[in-house]
Amino acid sequence: MEVLRVILTILFIIISVVLSAIVLMQEGKSAGLGAISGAAESYWGKNKGRSMEGALVKITRILVIAFILIAVVLNIRRF
C-alpha cells in the first residue's frame, strides 16, 4: 500500500509541473474592448477545438481532473 502512495505522489508532482507549464503556455482570455465590438467572435469558430489553443484547453481539463482525483486519493486515511 505504501508503494502505491509513493507512485501516486510522484505522479501528483509530475502532473503539477506539467499543469503549471500548460497553463502558462495558454493565451489570456481577456480581449479588452475588442470583445464588446464583436472581435471575439472568432473564439467560438468551428476550428477552435482543432487548434493548438483548443488542444491545450483539453489537456488542461484532463490534467485538472487527474490532479483533483489524485489529491483526494492521497488524502484518504484509513483509521
N, C-alpha and C. Protein backbone atom coordinates (compact mmCIF):
# COMPACT_ATOMS: atom_id res chain seq x y z
N MET A 1 0.82 -1.19 0.00
CA MET A 1 0.00 0.00 0.00
C MET A 1 0.87 1.25 0.00
N GLU A 2 1.99 1.16 0.67
CA GLU A 2 2.90 2.31 0.73
C GLU A 2 3.53 2.59 -0.63
N VAL A 3 3.75 1.53 -1.41
CA VAL A 3 4.33 1.70 -2.75
C VAL A 3 3.36 2.48 -3.63
N LEU A 4 2.07 2.17 -3.52
CA LEU A 4 1.06 2.89 -4.29
C LEU A 4 1.03 4.37 -3.92
N ARG A 5 1.18 4.66 -2.64
CA ARG A 5 1.20 6.06 -2.19
C ARG A 5 2.39 6.80 -2.76
N VAL A 6 3.55 6.15 -2.82
CA VAL A 6 4.75 6.78 -3.39
C VAL A 6 4.56 7.01 -4.89
N ILE A 7 4.01 6.04 -5.59
CA ILE A 7 3.78 6.18 -7.03
C ILE A 7 2.79 7.32 -7.30
N LEU A 8 1.72 7.38 -6.52
CA LEU A 8 0.73 8.45 -6.69
C LEU A 8 1.32 9.82 -6.36
N THR A 9 2.19 9.87 -5.37
CA THR A 9 2.82 11.14 -5.02
C THR A 9 3.73 11.62 -6.14
N ILE A 10 4.50 10.73 -6.72
CA ILE A 10 5.38 11.09 -7.84
C ILE A 10 4.54 11.54 -9.04
N LEU A 11 3.47 10.81 -9.33
CA LEU A 11 2.57 11.19 -10.42
C LEU A 11 1.92 12.54 -10.14
N PHE A 12 1.56 12.80 -8.90
CA PHE A 12 0.96 14.07 -8.50
C PHE A 12 1.93 15.23 -8.74
N ILE A 13 3.18 15.05 -8.42
CA ILE A 13 4.19 16.09 -8.63
C ILE A 13 4.41 16.34 -10.11
N ILE A 14 4.47 15.27 -10.90
CA ILE A 14 4.65 15.42 -12.35
C ILE A 14 3.47 16.16 -12.97
N ILE A 15 2.25 15.78 -12.57
CA ILE A 15 1.06 16.46 -13.09
C ILE A 15 1.07 17.93 -12.68
N SER A 16 1.50 18.24 -11.48
CA SER A 16 1.55 19.63 -11.03
C SER A 16 2.48 20.47 -11.89
N VAL A 17 3.65 19.94 -12.20
CA VAL A 17 4.61 20.67 -13.01
C VAL A 17 4.10 20.85 -14.44
N VAL A 18 3.58 19.77 -15.02
CA VAL A 18 3.08 19.83 -16.40
C VAL A 18 1.88 20.77 -16.49
N LEU A 19 1.00 20.71 -15.51
CA LEU A 19 -0.17 21.59 -15.50
C LEU A 19 0.23 23.06 -15.40
N SER A 20 1.22 23.35 -14.59
CA SER A 20 1.71 24.72 -14.48
C SER A 20 2.27 25.21 -15.81
N ALA A 21 3.03 24.36 -16.49
CA ALA A 21 3.62 24.75 -17.77
C ALA A 21 2.55 24.96 -18.83
N ILE A 22 1.55 24.10 -18.87
CA ILE A 22 0.50 24.22 -19.88
C ILE A 22 -0.35 25.47 -19.65
N VAL A 23 -0.64 25.78 -18.40
CA VAL A 23 -1.41 26.98 -18.11
C VAL A 23 -0.64 28.23 -18.52
N LEU A 24 0.65 28.23 -18.31
CA LEU A 24 1.46 29.38 -18.71
C LEU A 24 1.58 29.51 -20.23
N MET A 25 1.44 28.42 -20.96
CA MET A 25 1.53 28.46 -22.42
C MET A 25 0.25 29.00 -23.07
N GLN A 26 -0.86 28.98 -22.35
CA GLN A 26 -2.13 29.41 -22.92
C GLN A 26 -2.21 30.93 -23.01
N GLU A 27 -2.98 31.39 -24.00
CA GLU A 27 -3.20 32.81 -24.17
C GLU A 27 -4.24 33.28 -23.17
N GLY A 28 -4.20 34.57 -22.85
CA GLY A 28 -5.18 35.14 -21.95
C GLY A 28 -6.54 35.19 -22.61
N LYS A 29 -7.59 35.11 -21.81
CA LYS A 29 -8.95 35.12 -22.35
C LYS A 29 -9.52 36.52 -22.44
N SER A 30 -8.88 37.50 -21.84
CA SER A 30 -9.42 38.86 -21.88
C SER A 30 -9.06 39.52 -23.20
N ALA A 31 -10.08 39.99 -23.89
CA ALA A 31 -9.87 40.62 -25.18
C ALA A 31 -9.99 42.14 -25.09
N GLY A 32 -10.21 42.66 -23.89
CA GLY A 32 -10.34 44.09 -23.74
C GLY A 32 -11.61 44.61 -24.38
N LEU A 33 -11.53 45.80 -24.97
CA LEU A 33 -12.70 46.40 -25.60
C LEU A 33 -13.04 45.73 -26.92
N GLY A 34 -12.14 44.93 -27.48
CA GLY A 34 -12.42 44.24 -28.73
C GLY A 34 -13.55 43.25 -28.59
N ALA A 35 -13.76 42.72 -27.40
CA ALA A 35 -14.84 41.76 -27.17
C ALA A 35 -16.20 42.42 -27.26
N ILE A 36 -16.26 43.71 -26.93
CA ILE A 36 -17.54 44.42 -26.96
C ILE A 36 -17.98 44.64 -28.41
N SER A 37 -17.03 44.97 -29.28
CA SER A 37 -17.39 45.28 -30.66
C SER A 37 -17.58 44.04 -31.53
N GLY A 38 -17.35 42.87 -30.99
CA GLY A 38 -17.58 41.65 -31.76
C GLY A 38 -16.31 41.03 -32.29
N ALA A 39 -15.16 41.52 -31.91
CA ALA A 39 -13.91 40.96 -32.40
C ALA A 39 -13.62 39.59 -31.79
N ALA A 40 -14.29 39.25 -30.71
CA ALA A 40 -14.05 37.97 -30.04
C ALA A 40 -14.87 36.84 -30.63
N GLU A 41 -15.61 37.08 -31.69
CA GLU A 41 -16.44 36.03 -32.27
C GLU A 41 -15.60 34.89 -32.83
N SER A 42 -14.38 35.15 -33.22
CA SER A 42 -13.54 34.09 -33.77
C SER A 42 -13.19 33.03 -32.73
N TYR A 43 -13.33 33.36 -31.46
CA TYR A 43 -13.07 32.40 -30.39
C TYR A 43 -14.01 31.21 -30.51
N TRP A 44 -15.22 31.43 -30.92
CA TRP A 44 -16.20 30.36 -30.99
C TRP A 44 -16.29 29.76 -32.39
N GLY A 45 -15.26 29.94 -33.18
CA GLY A 45 -15.25 29.42 -34.54
C GLY A 45 -15.28 27.90 -34.58
N LYS A 46 -15.55 27.35 -35.77
CA LYS A 46 -15.68 25.90 -35.92
C LYS A 46 -14.38 25.16 -35.61
N ASN A 47 -13.26 25.72 -35.97
CA ASN A 47 -12.00 25.01 -35.85
C ASN A 47 -11.25 25.31 -34.55
N LYS A 48 -11.90 25.90 -33.58
CA LYS A 48 -11.23 26.25 -32.33
C LYS A 48 -10.72 24.99 -31.61
N GLY A 49 -11.48 23.92 -31.63
CA GLY A 49 -11.09 22.69 -30.95
C GLY A 49 -9.92 21.99 -31.62
N ARG A 50 -9.67 22.28 -32.88
CA ARG A 50 -8.58 21.62 -33.60
C ARG A 50 -7.29 22.42 -33.56
N SER A 51 -7.33 23.62 -33.04
CA SER A 51 -6.13 24.45 -32.99
C SER A 51 -5.27 24.05 -31.80
N MET A 52 -4.09 24.63 -31.74
CA MET A 52 -3.18 24.36 -30.62
C MET A 52 -3.79 24.84 -29.30
N GLU A 53 -4.45 25.99 -29.35
CA GLU A 53 -5.08 26.52 -28.14
C GLU A 53 -6.19 25.58 -27.66
N GLY A 54 -6.97 25.04 -28.59
CA GLY A 54 -8.02 24.10 -28.22
C GLY A 54 -7.46 22.83 -27.61
N ALA A 55 -6.34 22.37 -28.15
CA ALA A 55 -5.69 21.17 -27.59
C ALA A 55 -5.17 21.44 -26.18
N LEU A 56 -4.61 22.63 -25.97
CA LEU A 56 -4.12 22.98 -24.63
C LEU A 56 -5.26 23.03 -23.62
N VAL A 57 -6.41 23.52 -24.03
CA VAL A 57 -7.56 23.58 -23.14
C VAL A 57 -8.02 22.17 -22.77
N LYS A 58 -8.06 21.27 -23.75
CA LYS A 58 -8.48 19.89 -23.48
C LYS A 58 -7.50 19.19 -22.55
N ILE A 59 -6.21 19.36 -22.81
CA ILE A 59 -5.18 18.74 -21.96
C ILE A 59 -5.26 19.31 -20.54
N THR A 60 -5.51 20.61 -20.43
CA THR A 60 -5.62 21.23 -19.11
C THR A 60 -6.78 20.64 -18.33
N ARG A 61 -7.91 20.45 -18.98
CA ARG A 61 -9.07 19.88 -18.30
C ARG A 61 -8.78 18.46 -17.80
N ILE A 62 -8.15 17.67 -18.63
CA ILE A 62 -7.83 16.29 -18.25
C ILE A 62 -6.86 16.27 -17.07
N LEU A 63 -5.83 17.12 -17.13
CA LEU A 63 -4.85 17.16 -16.04
C LEU A 63 -5.44 17.68 -14.74
N VAL A 64 -6.37 18.63 -14.83
CA VAL A 64 -7.01 19.15 -13.62
C VAL A 64 -7.85 18.06 -12.96
N ILE A 65 -8.57 17.30 -13.76
CA ILE A 65 -9.37 16.20 -13.20
C ILE A 65 -8.47 15.17 -12.55
N ALA A 66 -7.36 14.81 -13.22
CA ALA A 66 -6.41 13.85 -12.64
C ALA A 66 -5.79 14.40 -11.36
N PHE A 67 -5.46 15.69 -11.36
CA PHE A 67 -4.88 16.35 -10.19
C PHE A 67 -5.82 16.26 -9.00
N ILE A 68 -7.08 16.58 -9.22
CA ILE A 68 -8.06 16.56 -8.13
C ILE A 68 -8.29 15.14 -7.62
N LEU A 69 -8.41 14.18 -8.54
CA LEU A 69 -8.64 12.79 -8.12
C LEU A 69 -7.47 12.24 -7.32
N ILE A 70 -6.24 12.51 -7.77
CA ILE A 70 -5.08 12.02 -7.05
C ILE A 70 -4.96 12.71 -5.70
N ALA A 71 -5.29 14.01 -5.64
CA ALA A 71 -5.25 14.72 -4.36
C ALA A 71 -6.23 14.13 -3.37
N VAL A 72 -7.41 13.76 -3.83
CA VAL A 72 -8.41 13.15 -2.95
C VAL A 72 -7.94 11.78 -2.49
N VAL A 73 -7.41 10.98 -3.41
CA VAL A 73 -6.94 9.64 -3.06
C VAL A 73 -5.78 9.70 -2.06
N LEU A 74 -4.87 10.64 -2.27
CA LEU A 74 -3.74 10.76 -1.36
C LEU A 74 -4.13 11.24 0.03
N ASN A 75 -5.27 11.91 0.14
CA ASN A 75 -5.70 12.43 1.45
C ASN A 75 -6.66 11.51 2.19
N ILE A 76 -7.02 10.40 1.58
CA ILE A 76 -7.88 9.44 2.26
C ILE A 76 -7.03 8.67 3.27
N ARG A 77 -7.48 8.68 4.49
CA ARG A 77 -6.75 7.95 5.55
C ARG A 77 -7.67 6.89 6.13
N ARG A 78 -7.10 5.75 6.35
CA ARG A 78 -7.86 4.67 6.98
C ARG A 78 -7.57 4.68 8.48
N PHE A 79 -8.65 4.62 9.26
CA PHE A 79 -8.50 4.65 10.72
C PHE A 79 -8.69 3.28 11.30
